Protein backbone atom coordinates (compact mmCIF):
# COMPACT_ATOMS: atom_id res chain seq x y z
CA MET A 1 25.79 -8.29 0.87
CA SER A 2 24.63 -4.88 2.09
CA ILE A 3 21.96 -4.94 4.77
CA ASN A 4 18.74 -3.02 4.12
CA LEU A 5 16.73 -2.30 7.27
CA PHE A 6 13.70 -1.46 5.11
CA GLY A 7 11.24 -3.87 3.50
CA THR A 8 8.65 -3.58 0.74
CA ASP A 9 6.94 -0.60 2.41
CA GLY A 10 9.17 0.95 5.04
CA ILE A 11 10.31 -0.58 8.32
CA ARG A 12 7.94 -2.73 10.36
CA GLY A 13 8.30 -4.90 13.42
CA LYS A 14 7.27 -5.76 16.95
CA ILE A 15 7.69 -2.83 19.35
CA ASN A 16 10.34 -3.21 22.06
CA LEU A 17 10.72 -0.07 24.17
CA ALA A 18 13.22 -1.74 26.53
CA THR A 19 16.16 -1.78 24.09
CA SER A 20 18.47 1.18 24.60
CA ASP A 21 21.76 0.10 23.05
CA GLU A 22 21.97 1.13 19.41
CA GLU A 23 23.98 -1.87 18.18
CA ASP A 24 21.56 -4.23 19.93
CA ALA A 25 18.66 -2.34 18.39
CA VAL A 26 20.05 -2.84 14.88
CA THR A 27 20.70 -6.54 15.53
CA ASN A 28 17.18 -7.02 16.94
CA LEU A 29 15.64 -5.33 13.90
CA ILE A 30 17.60 -7.46 11.44
CA GLU A 31 17.21 -10.78 13.23
CA ASN A 32 13.89 -10.42 15.07
CA ARG A 33 12.10 -7.59 13.24
CA GLU A 34 11.94 -5.53 16.45
CA ILE A 35 11.29 -1.78 16.38
CA SER A 36 12.86 0.16 19.25
CA PRO A 37 13.52 3.85 20.07
CA PRO A 38 17.23 3.73 19.06
CA ILE A 39 16.23 2.63 15.55
CA LEU A 40 14.12 5.76 15.11
CA ARG A 41 16.93 7.98 16.41
CA LEU A 42 19.45 6.35 14.05
CA ILE A 43 17.15 6.83 11.05
CA GLY A 44 16.62 10.46 12.03
CA GLU A 45 20.35 11.14 12.22
CA SER A 46 20.96 9.27 8.97
CA LEU A 47 18.42 11.38 7.10
CA GLY A 48 20.67 14.37 7.80
CA ARG A 49 23.29 12.84 5.51
CA SER A 50 20.74 12.41 2.71
CA VAL A 51 19.64 15.97 2.01
CA GLU A 52 20.22 16.65 -1.68
CA ASP A 53 20.29 20.45 -1.58
CA ALA A 54 23.24 21.56 0.57
CA SER A 55 22.13 25.20 0.33
CA ILE A 56 19.16 24.56 2.62
CA GLN A 57 20.30 25.74 6.01
CA LYS A 58 17.71 23.94 8.11
CA PRO A 59 15.55 21.56 6.07
CA ARG A 60 12.14 20.56 7.40
CA VAL A 61 10.80 17.15 8.31
CA VAL A 62 7.17 16.46 9.17
CA ILE A 63 6.31 13.60 11.56
CA GLY A 64 2.90 11.98 12.02
CA TRP A 65 1.76 8.69 13.53
CA ASP A 66 -1.18 6.35 13.83
CA ASP A 67 -2.85 5.35 17.09
CA ARG A 68 -0.44 2.78 18.51
CA PRO A 69 0.38 3.27 22.22
CA ALA A 70 4.14 3.36 21.71
CA ASN A 71 4.18 5.76 18.76
CA PRO A 72 4.49 9.04 20.72
CA GLU A 73 7.60 7.63 22.40
CA LEU A 74 9.03 6.52 19.05
CA ALA A 75 8.26 10.00 17.68
CA LYS A 76 10.39 11.56 20.44
CA PHE A 77 13.42 9.48 19.46
CA LEU A 78 12.93 10.14 15.75
CA THR A 79 12.72 13.85 16.60
CA LEU A 80 15.90 13.57 18.67
CA GLY A 81 17.81 12.08 15.75
CA LEU A 82 16.45 14.67 13.32
CA ASN A 83 17.31 17.57 15.64
CA ILE A 84 20.85 16.23 16.06
CA ALA A 85 21.03 16.23 12.25
CA ASP A 86 19.93 19.89 12.31
CA PHE A 87 16.46 19.56 10.83
CA GLU A 88 13.48 21.72 11.63
CA VAL A 89 10.97 19.19 12.96
CA ILE A 90 7.20 19.61 12.69
CA HIS A 91 4.75 17.29 14.45
CA ILE A 92 1.22 16.84 13.13
CA GLY A 93 0.46 14.03 15.56
CA LEU A 94 -2.26 11.44 15.06
CA CYS A 95 -3.09 11.16 11.35
CA ALA A 96 -3.56 8.92 8.33
CA THR A 97 -0.63 8.21 6.00
CA PRO A 98 -2.17 10.28 3.14
CA THR A 99 -2.51 13.21 5.57
CA LEU A 100 1.20 12.97 6.36
CA HIS A 101 1.86 12.95 2.61
CA TYR A 102 -0.24 16.14 2.29
CA ALA A 103 1.56 17.82 5.21
CA THR A 104 4.96 17.06 3.67
CA LEU A 105 3.95 19.11 0.62
CA PHE A 106 2.05 21.76 2.60
CA PHE A 107 5.05 22.58 4.80
CA ASP A 108 7.55 22.31 1.91
CA ALA A 109 9.44 19.65 3.87
CA GLU A 110 12.46 17.71 2.69
CA PHE A 111 11.01 14.50 4.15
CA GLY A 112 7.79 13.26 5.69
CA CYS A 113 7.96 10.47 8.29
CA MET A 114 4.91 8.39 9.13
CA ILE A 115 5.27 6.18 12.20
CA THR A 116 3.01 3.21 11.47
CA ALA A 117 2.91 -0.49 10.73
CA SER A 118 -0.12 -0.09 8.43
CA HIS A 119 -2.48 -3.07 8.88
CA ASN A 120 -0.12 -4.96 11.23
CA PRO A 121 -1.28 -5.64 14.81
CA VAL A 122 -1.33 -2.73 17.25
CA ASP A 123 1.76 -4.12 19.05
CA ASP A 124 3.81 -3.51 15.90
CA SER A 125 5.08 -0.21 14.57
CA GLY A 126 7.41 1.07 11.88
CA LEU A 127 8.27 3.94 9.58
CA LYS A 128 7.35 5.10 6.08
CA ILE A 129 9.34 7.98 4.55
CA PHE A 130 8.16 10.39 1.85
CA THR A 131 10.35 12.68 -0.23
CA LYS A 132 9.72 16.37 -0.85
CA TYR A 133 7.79 15.41 -3.99
CA GLY A 134 5.42 13.16 -2.04
CA TYR A 135 6.87 9.86 -3.25
CA LYS A 136 8.00 7.07 -1.00
CA THR A 137 11.74 6.59 -0.91
CA THR A 138 13.51 4.20 -3.30
CA PRO A 139 15.26 0.97 -2.23
CA GLU A 140 18.58 2.58 -3.21
CA PHE A 141 17.92 5.49 -0.88
CA GLU A 142 16.82 3.14 1.90
CA LEU A 143 19.93 1.01 1.47
CA GLU A 144 22.15 4.07 1.86
CA LEU A 145 20.08 5.17 4.86
CA SER A 146 20.55 1.71 6.37
CA ARG A 147 24.32 1.82 5.84
CA ASN A 148 24.50 5.19 7.59
CA ALA A 149 22.32 4.01 10.48
CA ILE A 150 24.39 0.85 11.02
CA SER A 151 27.60 2.90 10.88
CA LEU A 152 26.26 5.42 13.41
CA SER A 153 25.26 2.61 15.78
CA GLN A 154 28.91 1.59 15.99
CA GLU A 155 30.16 5.07 16.89
CA GLU A 156 30.60 6.53 20.36
CA ARG A 157 28.02 9.31 20.66
CA GLU A 158 26.71 10.68 23.93
CA ILE A 159 24.05 13.30 24.73
CA ASP A 160 23.32 14.44 28.29
CA GLN A 161 19.81 14.14 29.65
CA ILE A 162 19.01 17.85 29.51
CA ASP A 163 20.05 18.21 25.87
CA GLY A 164 18.35 14.93 24.99
CA LYS A 165 15.03 16.08 26.43
CA LYS A 166 15.26 19.43 24.63
CA LEU A 167 16.20 17.84 21.30
CA SER A 168 13.27 15.43 21.56
CA GLU A 169 10.83 18.32 21.14
CA PRO A 170 9.66 19.57 17.72
CA SER A 171 10.13 23.09 16.45
CA MET A 172 6.42 23.32 15.67
CA SER A 173 3.50 21.16 16.72
CA PHE A 174 0.05 20.75 15.18
CA GLU A 175 -0.91 17.72 17.24
CA SER A 176 -4.57 18.62 17.60
CA PRO A 177 -6.40 15.95 15.56
CA GLN A 178 -8.55 18.69 14.07
CA TRP A 179 -5.69 20.05 11.95
CA CYS A 180 -5.24 16.68 10.26
CA ILE A 181 -8.98 16.04 9.92
CA ASN A 182 -9.69 19.47 8.42
CA ASN A 183 -6.86 19.24 5.90
CA HIS A 184 -7.62 15.65 4.87
CA GLN A 185 -11.24 16.66 4.27
CA LYS A 186 -10.16 19.76 2.34
CA TRP A 187 -7.85 17.69 0.16
CA LEU A 188 -10.50 15.03 -0.45
CA ASN A 189 -12.93 17.78 -1.43
CA SER A 190 -10.57 19.08 -4.10
CA ARG A 191 -10.04 15.59 -5.60
CA TYR A 192 -13.77 14.87 -5.42
CA GLU A 193 -14.53 18.07 -7.30
CA GLY A 194 -11.90 17.25 -9.93
CA ILE A 195 -13.50 13.89 -10.73
CA THR A 196 -17.09 15.14 -10.57
CA ASP A 197 -16.18 17.91 -13.01
CA MET A 198 -14.78 15.25 -15.32
CA LEU A 199 -17.70 12.82 -15.00
CA GLN A 200 -20.46 15.41 -14.58
CA ASN A 201 -21.99 13.56 -11.66
CA ASN A 202 -21.89 13.42 -7.85
CA LEU A 203 -22.13 10.92 -5.01
CA ALA A 204 -25.86 11.39 -4.61
CA GLU A 205 -26.31 9.73 -8.04
CA SER A 206 -24.47 6.54 -7.02
CA ILE A 207 -26.55 3.36 -7.28
CA ASN A 208 -26.82 -0.06 -5.59
CA ILE A 209 -25.65 1.17 -2.19
CA ASN A 210 -27.24 0.14 1.07
CA ASN A 211 -28.59 2.82 3.39
CA PRO A 212 -26.60 3.26 5.55
CA LEU A 213 -23.25 2.21 4.09
CA LEU A 214 -21.14 0.72 6.89
CA ILE A 215 -17.65 2.23 7.25
CA ASP A 216 -14.84 0.48 9.13
CA SER A 217 -11.83 2.79 9.49
CA SER A 218 -9.96 0.19 11.57
CA LYS A 219 -10.14 2.65 14.49
CA GLY A 220 -7.79 4.96 12.58
CA THR A 221 -8.38 8.70 12.17
CA GLY A 222 -11.04 8.08 9.51
CA GLN A 223 -13.42 7.07 12.32
CA PHE A 224 -13.71 10.73 13.33
CA TRP A 225 -14.82 12.18 10.01
CA LEU A 226 -15.25 9.89 6.98
CA SER A 227 -18.83 8.68 7.54
CA GLU A 228 -19.93 12.24 8.30
CA TRP A 229 -18.24 13.52 5.12
CA LEU A 230 -19.96 10.86 3.01
CA SER A 231 -23.33 11.61 4.60
CA SER A 232 -22.95 15.32 3.88
CA ASN A 233 -22.24 14.49 0.21
CA GLY A 234 -25.21 12.25 -0.45
CA ILE A 235 -24.17 8.78 0.84
CA LYS A 236 -25.62 8.04 4.27
CA ALA A 237 -22.87 6.21 6.16
CA THR A 238 -22.23 4.85 9.66
CA GLU A 239 -18.84 4.22 11.27
CA VAL A 240 -18.42 0.95 13.20
CA SER A 241 -14.75 0.76 14.16
CA TYR A 242 -15.25 2.93 17.27
CA GLN A 243 -16.48 -0.34 18.82
CA ALA A 244 -13.00 -1.87 18.52
CA THR A 245 -10.70 -2.00 21.54
CA ALA A 246 -7.62 -0.93 19.58
CA LEU A 247 -6.31 -0.06 16.11
CA ASN A 248 -6.60 -3.02 13.68
CA GLU A 249 -8.04 -5.28 16.39
CA ASN A 250 -10.92 -7.32 14.92
CA CYS A 251 -11.60 -4.53 12.50
CA GLY A 252 -10.42 -2.93 9.26
CA ALA A 253 -9.11 -4.11 5.92
CA GLY A 254 -6.05 -5.82 7.39
CA ASP A 255 -8.09 -8.91 8.31
CA LEU A 256 -9.71 -9.14 4.86
CA SER A 257 -8.36 -10.74 1.69
CA PRO A 258 -9.06 -9.92 -1.97
CA THR A 259 -12.22 -11.73 -3.23
CA GLN A 260 -12.81 -13.28 0.22
CA GLU A 261 -16.37 -14.62 0.75
CA TRP A 262 -18.65 -15.48 3.66
CA THR A 263 -22.03 -17.16 3.86
CA PHE A 264 -24.68 -15.25 5.81
CA GLU A 265 -24.15 -17.57 8.76
CA GLU A 266 -20.33 -17.29 8.64
CA ALA A 267 -20.61 -13.51 8.65
CA LYS A 268 -22.98 -13.55 11.60
CA GLN A 269 -20.55 -15.70 13.60
CA SER A 270 -17.45 -13.65 12.69
CA THR A 271 -15.35 -11.93 15.37
CA HIS A 272 -14.66 -9.09 12.93
CA ILE A 273 -16.66 -6.04 14.04
CA LEU A 274 -17.68 -5.08 10.51
CA ILE A 275 -18.38 -8.54 9.09
CA LYS A 276 -20.75 -9.61 11.88
CA GLN A 277 -22.87 -6.48 11.30
CA LEU A 278 -23.28 -6.80 7.53
CA PRO A 279 -26.94 -6.42 6.51
CA ILE A 280 -28.64 -8.88 4.17
CA CYS A 281 -29.63 -7.04 1.00
CA GLU A 282 -30.33 -7.68 -2.65
CA PRO A 283 -27.38 -9.40 -4.40
CA GLY A 284 -24.96 -6.87 -5.87
CA THR A 285 -25.65 -4.22 -3.22
CA LEU A 286 -22.62 -2.44 -1.76
CA VAL A 287 -22.95 -2.73 2.01
CA ALA A 288 -19.59 -1.76 3.54
CA ALA A 289 -16.11 -0.30 3.12
CA ALA A 290 -13.05 -1.15 5.22
CA LEU A 291 -9.86 0.94 5.46
CA ASP A 292 -6.62 -0.15 7.06
CA GLY A 293 -5.23 1.42 10.24
CA ASP A 294 -3.19 4.15 8.55
CA GLY A 295 -5.91 4.92 6.02
CA ASP A 296 -4.05 4.43 2.73
CA ARG A 297 -6.08 1.55 1.30
CA CYS A 298 -9.66 0.35 1.11
CA LEU A 299 -11.57 -2.86 0.39
CA LEU A 300 -15.33 -3.00 -0.22
CA ILE A 301 -18.00 -5.61 0.53
CA GLU A 302 -21.12 -6.46 -1.44
CA THR A 303 -23.93 -8.96 -0.99
CA THR A 304 -24.27 -12.16 -3.00
CA SER A 305 -27.16 -14.61 -3.24
CA THR A 306 -25.65 -16.66 -0.40
CA GLY A 307 -23.67 -14.13 1.64
CA PHE A 308 -21.02 -11.48 1.12
CA LYS A 309 -17.78 -11.03 -0.82
CA VAL A 310 -14.88 -8.57 -0.92
CA ILE A 311 -14.53 -6.14 -3.81
CA ASP A 312 -10.75 -5.88 -4.12
CA GLY A 313 -8.49 -3.22 -5.59
CA ASP A 314 -8.47 -4.82 -9.04
CA ARG A 315 -12.24 -4.66 -9.36
CA ILE A 316 -12.36 -1.12 -7.91
CA ALA A 317 -9.81 0.05 -10.50
CA ASP A 318 -11.59 -1.75 -13.36
CA THR A 319 -14.92 -0.18 -12.39
CA PHE A 320 -13.36 3.28 -12.28
CA VAL A 321 -11.51 2.92 -15.60
CA ASN A 322 -14.68 1.49 -17.15
CA CYS A 323 -16.56 4.59 -16.00
CA VAL A 324 -14.05 7.24 -17.09
CA THR A 325 -13.51 5.66 -20.52
CA ASN A 326 -17.29 5.50 -20.97
CA SER A 327 -17.18 9.24 -20.30
CA GLY A 328 -14.73 9.72 -23.16
CA PHE A 329 -11.33 9.85 -21.43
CA GLU A 330 -8.11 7.92 -22.08
CA TRP A 331 -6.21 6.66 -19.03
CA HIS A 332 -2.93 5.14 -17.92
CA LEU A 333 -3.45 2.09 -15.67
CA ALA A 334 -0.53 0.67 -13.67
CA ALA A 335 -0.99 -2.65 -11.88
CA SER A 336 1.36 -4.73 -9.74
CA ILE A 337 2.47 -8.22 -10.69
CA GLU A 338 -0.01 -9.62 -8.15
CA SER A 339 -3.09 -8.03 -9.73
CA ASP A 340 -5.57 -10.15 -11.70
CA LEU A 341 -4.07 -10.69 -15.16
CA SER A 342 -7.48 -10.08 -16.74
CA LEU A 343 -7.34 -6.48 -15.52
CA THR A 344 -4.59 -5.65 -18.01
CA THR A 345 -5.64 -7.88 -20.92
CA ASN A 346 -8.54 -7.68 -23.37
CA LEU A 347 -8.33 -3.88 -23.25
CA GLU A 348 -10.69 -3.55 -26.19
CA ARG A 349 -13.50 -3.84 -23.63
CA TYR A 350 -12.85 -0.19 -22.76
CA PRO A 351 -14.40 2.35 -25.17
CA LYS A 352 -11.31 4.58 -25.02
CA GLN A 353 -7.60 3.78 -25.09
CA VAL A 354 -6.09 2.52 -21.86
CA ARG A 355 -2.32 2.37 -21.54
CA VAL A 356 -1.20 -0.44 -19.25
CA SER A 357 1.99 -0.81 -17.20
CA GLU A 358 3.15 -3.63 -14.93
CA THR A 359 5.05 -2.84 -11.74
CA ALA A 360 6.71 -4.44 -8.78
CA VAL A 361 4.78 -5.11 -5.56
CA GLY A 362 4.41 -1.98 -3.43
CA ASP A 363 2.41 1.19 -4.05
CA ARG A 364 5.55 3.30 -4.51
CA TRP A 365 6.25 1.50 -7.79
CA LEU A 366 2.81 2.45 -9.03
CA SER A 367 3.61 6.11 -8.32
CA PHE A 368 7.02 5.89 -9.98
CA LYS A 369 5.58 4.31 -13.13
CA LEU A 370 2.70 6.78 -13.42
CA SER A 371 5.10 9.73 -13.09
CA GLU A 372 7.87 8.35 -15.30
CA ASN A 373 7.76 11.25 -17.75
CA GLN A 374 7.98 13.70 -14.85
CA ASN A 375 11.25 12.24 -13.44
CA ASN A 376 9.51 11.27 -10.20
CA GLN A 377 8.80 14.89 -9.45
CA PHE A 378 5.43 16.62 -9.49
CA VAL A 379 3.10 15.77 -12.34
CA VAL A 380 2.42 19.00 -14.22
CA SER A 381 -1.08 19.27 -15.69
CA ASN A 382 -3.80 21.92 -16.04
CA SER A 383 -6.47 19.24 -15.50
CA PHE A 384 -6.96 16.12 -13.36
CA PRO A 385 -4.19 13.69 -14.47
CA GLN A 386 -5.72 10.62 -16.07
CA VAL A 387 -3.66 8.00 -14.25
CA ILE A 388 -4.45 5.29 -11.74
CA GLY A 389 -2.35 2.59 -10.06
CA VAL A 390 -3.70 -0.49 -8.33
CA GLU A 391 -2.80 -3.38 -6.05
CA ASP A 392 -5.38 -6.05 -5.29
CA SER A 393 -4.96 -5.32 -1.56
CA GLY A 394 -6.92 -2.09 -2.03
CA HIS A 395 -4.09 0.36 -2.68
CA LEU A 396 -5.22 2.74 -5.41
CA VAL A 397 -2.78 5.47 -6.37
CA MET A 398 -4.39 8.56 -7.89
CA ALA A 399 -3.43 12.15 -8.55
CA SER A 400 -3.86 14.80 -5.88
CA PRO A 401 -3.38 18.56 -6.28
CA HIS A 402 -0.39 20.19 -4.64
CA PRO A 403 -1.71 22.23 -1.68
CA ASN A 404 0.40 25.29 -2.58
CA ILE A 405 1.39 25.11 -6.28
CA SER A 406 -1.18 25.31 -9.06
CA GLU A 407 -1.08 22.76 -11.92
CA CYS A 408 1.24 20.53 -9.89
CA TRP A 409 0.03 17.12 -8.77
CA SER A 410 1.39 14.42 -6.52
CA LEU A 411 0.47 10.73 -6.50
CA VAL A 412 -0.72 8.96 -3.38
CA GLY A 413 -2.83 6.08 -2.12
CA ASP A 414 -5.74 7.19 0.05
CA GLY A 415 -8.42 4.78 1.30
CA ALA A 416 -11.04 7.53 1.49
CA MET A 417 -10.38 8.60 -2.09
CA THR A 418 -10.45 4.97 -3.26
CA LEU A 419 -13.95 4.62 -1.81
CA VAL A 420 -15.12 7.92 -3.31
CA ALA A 421 -13.74 7.05 -6.78
CA TYR A 422 -15.59 3.73 -6.75
CA LEU A 423 -18.86 5.28 -5.59
CA LEU A 424 -18.67 7.93 -8.31
CA SER A 425 -18.04 5.20 -10.90
CA LEU A 426 -21.30 3.37 -10.19
CA SER A 427 -23.55 5.83 -12.01
CA ASN A 428 -21.65 5.62 -15.32
CA PHE A 429 -20.41 2.04 -15.31
CA GLU A 430 -21.21 -0.54 -17.99
CA PRO A 431 -21.41 -4.00 -16.33
CA SER A 432 -21.38 -5.85 -19.65
CA THR A 433 -17.80 -4.70 -20.33
CA ALA A 434 -16.46 -5.26 -16.80
CA MET A 435 -13.34 -7.35 -16.22
CA LYS A 436 -14.05 -11.06 -16.01
CA ARG A 437 -11.92 -12.52 -13.25
CA GLY A 438 -9.08 -14.79 -14.16
CA TRP A 439 -7.54 -17.53 -12.02
CA LYS A 440 -5.00 -16.55 -9.40
CA GLN A 441 -3.04 -18.37 -6.73
CA ARG A 442 -0.36 -17.27 -4.30
CA GLN A 443 1.49 -19.43 -1.78
CA SER A 444 4.63 -19.09 0.29
CA VAL A 445 7.43 -21.09 1.82
CA LYS A 446 8.29 -19.77 5.29
CA ASN A 447 11.43 -19.77 7.44
CA VAL A 448 13.75 -19.67 4.45
CA ASP A 449 17.23 -18.24 4.09
CA ARG A 450 16.44 -15.42 1.62
CA GLU A 451 20.10 -15.09 0.61
CA LYS A 452 19.78 -18.40 -1.26
CA TRP A 453 17.48 -16.76 -3.84
CA ASP A 454 18.25 -13.78 -6.07
CA GLY A 455 16.17 -14.55 -9.16
CA GLU A 456 19.28 -15.16 -11.28
CA ASN A 457 21.29 -17.93 -9.60
CA GLN A 458 21.43 -21.67 -10.20
CA LEU A 459 18.42 -22.28 -7.95
CA SER A 460 16.30 -19.93 -10.06
CA ASN A 461 17.37 -21.80 -13.20
CA LYS A 462 16.25 -25.07 -11.58
CA VAL A 463 12.88 -23.50 -10.70
CA GLU A 464 12.39 -22.28 -14.27
CA GLN A 465 13.19 -25.72 -15.69
CA LEU A 466 10.82 -27.38 -13.21
CA LEU A 467 7.99 -24.97 -14.02
CA ARG A 468 8.27 -25.55 -17.75
CA LYS A 469 8.46 -29.33 -17.31
CA LYS A 470 5.42 -29.52 -15.01
CA LEU A 471 3.27 -27.16 -17.10
CA SER A 472 4.10 -29.08 -20.28
CA GLU A 473 2.63 -32.20 -18.68
CA PHE A 474 -0.80 -30.54 -18.58
CA GLY A 475 -0.99 -28.25 -21.60
CA ASP A 476 0.71 -26.63 -24.58
CA VAL A 477 3.39 -24.17 -23.49
CA SER A 478 4.69 -21.50 -25.88
CA SER A 479 5.98 -17.90 -26.01
CA TRP A 480 8.08 -18.58 -22.92
CA ALA A 481 9.86 -15.50 -21.59
CA ARG A 482 11.81 -14.98 -18.38
CA THR A 483 12.05 -11.38 -17.24
CA THR A 484 11.84 -9.04 -14.24
CA VAL A 485 10.43 -5.61 -13.40
CA ALA A 486 12.04 -2.50 -11.91
CA GLY A 487 12.17 -2.59 -8.13
CA GLU A 488 12.09 -6.37 -7.77
CA ASN A 489 15.74 -7.26 -7.74
CA ASN A 490 15.10 -10.87 -6.71
CA LEU A 491 12.03 -11.50 -8.84
CA MET A 492 11.96 -14.19 -11.50
CA LEU A 493 8.92 -13.50 -13.69
CA ILE A 494 7.79 -16.08 -16.24
CA ASN A 495 5.31 -15.05 -18.96
CA CYS A 496 4.02 -17.63 -21.39
CA SER A 497 1.05 -18.97 -23.29
CA PHE A 498 -0.53 -21.96 -21.54
CA SER A 499 -2.98 -23.84 -23.77
CA GLY A 500 -3.60 -20.59 -25.65
CA SER A 501 -4.11 -18.29 -22.63
CA LYS A 502 -1.74 -15.80 -21.01
CA LEU A 503 -0.06 -17.10 -17.86
CA SER A 504 2.28 -15.23 -15.54
CA ILE A 505 4.23 -16.83 -12.68
CA GLY A 506 6.44 -14.83 -10.31
CA VAL A 507 8.85 -16.06 -7.64
CA ARG A 508 10.14 -13.48 -5.15
CA ASN A 509 11.51 -13.09 -1.66
CA SER A 510 9.39 -11.24 0.86
CA GLY A 511 10.76 -7.79 1.66
CA THR A 512 9.91 -8.05 5.35
CA GLN A 513 9.79 -11.71 6.38
CA ALA A 514 11.86 -14.88 6.01
CA LYS A 515 9.68 -16.31 3.26
CA ILE A 516 9.55 -16.71 -0.51
CA SER A 517 6.33 -16.52 -2.51
CA VAL A 518 5.14 -18.06 -5.77
CA SER A 519 2.31 -16.21 -7.52
CA ALA A 520 0.46 -17.46 -10.59
CA ARG A 521 -2.03 -15.50 -12.71
CA LEU A 522 -4.06 -16.87 -15.63
CA GLU A 523 -6.27 -14.63 -17.73
CA TYR A 524 -10.02 -15.18 -17.95
CA GLY A 525 -11.02 -18.13 -20.07
CA GLY A 526 -7.84 -20.08 -19.47
CA ILE A 527 -7.85 -23.61 -18.06
CA SER A 528 -5.87 -23.81 -14.82
CA ASN A 529 -5.46 -27.60 -14.73
CA GLY A 530 -1.86 -28.37 -13.80
CA ILE A 531 -0.82 -24.89 -12.63
CA GLN A 532 -1.42 -25.68 -8.97
CA GLU A 533 0.62 -28.87 -9.35
CA ALA A 534 3.46 -26.82 -10.84
CA ILE A 535 3.31 -24.32 -7.96
CA ASP A 536 3.35 -27.15 -5.40
CA ALA A 537 6.39 -28.71 -7.06
CA VAL A 538 8.26 -25.37 -7.05
CA CYS A 539 7.42 -24.76 -3.38
CA ASP A 540 8.69 -28.25 -2.49
CA LEU A 541 11.96 -27.53 -4.28
CA LEU A 542 12.35 -24.11 -2.62
CA ALA A 543 11.70 -25.64 0.82
CA LYS A 544 14.38 -28.28 0.26
CA GLN A 545 16.91 -25.76 -1.02
CA MET A 546 16.25 -22.70 1.16
CA ILE A 547 15.26 -23.96 4.62
CA ASN A 548 18.29 -24.63 6.79
CA HIS A 549 17.93 -28.05 8.39
């Protein structure tokens, strides 16, 4: 089996700056999920073998990073590898992932490289790679990149200290944070104007928002500008993550879960910087927004009669689609297999047609599906493309205008834009037709040998038989179908009718950890009795079969 160094969303792992040997670095990444400087150099060199257009004499690569102490050092080694591969390297320095996406297009780069581990702890780091069209790379591309990197690690290659130091420097540098802040704001402005033109409203008309709205940018770059931008556009906002000691430390969306709830007392006692400051307001009032460390997703928090609860990506997307269809527009909604099943059923609740697609886990699959008629290149449109992709974790993929080419659009997840889209939706949203939450459960078996599951082998057949047997003990089971979705090579997806309601159960290996997950989704109105028992039975079987004793 070919080894892929990449997971569901890039490479992530614990930082180890002490490793210098390339073969050791590869082994440590595979076995211990460690990120070290040689890994970044190897990836940089390997990208040189992946340039599609051979006529480009010196293709560009843009590098940015989030605020992890080791990232500047990792950037040097990535730059070294890219320079060896004869790229022109541009640094934009400290930035959010969507800003790196923007810069990739702005500089007409072949690749964009974001050094980040997203919401992972500050001691972790990793790498996300964008193509020249602004899409994240495919698993096939990453597998080939991994093969090249592993092969290079086994070769004898030496560079003297003087050359190494020189090749670790970029050709151009825009490492002043102001460049990234100004361009992220400019880009957000253009998307904001596109939606306001469509809806004929603005942020100042948004309702049921506390004054001030608390913003937690997880001590990422959003802390320097987002609350000020909101305030200047009609939503008084206050940033709180500057109080954190480090990126993602007791702050941000990474510590929050979809639909999570707290009582007033639990919130007050929380160690999370945002949660412990939540104000008590009228039930249904939006009080806070939390981004993750690299700024590409957002979760919201509202008051309840007894405390607070998270507004997840599914509800954000439903509110937005509710609003735009009420305004007379048809939309394409893509949702991952872990989104609430009720989001993509009972579509007659929307006043205009909504086309629905189901995708694998990972925001790149949302982008691929929404651009399918454009061959994963730029979306060509003379107006704001009516597409949205969602994961319950707060990733919302929406269209963004190309910074240099008119009527060309890219697709990207941006926590700031997710927040803005939701706020704009509030003034033209019909609560009576909102999604009614279905039942959902997700649990994992850890420390497994992932090679024992591929979604098609004998073990998967045993799991399918067990699921059907256990469910049949509690309800009527019909319309049974076993399938998969593009991008999830090891997924076994079961769709059926359970006592007259739609039920979906997926079993898949984690892309980054030694675990396998079982996810069940039942549409609103269905009776969940027996589903948890079926999940427990499957997890017991997987533990017996996949954990090496």
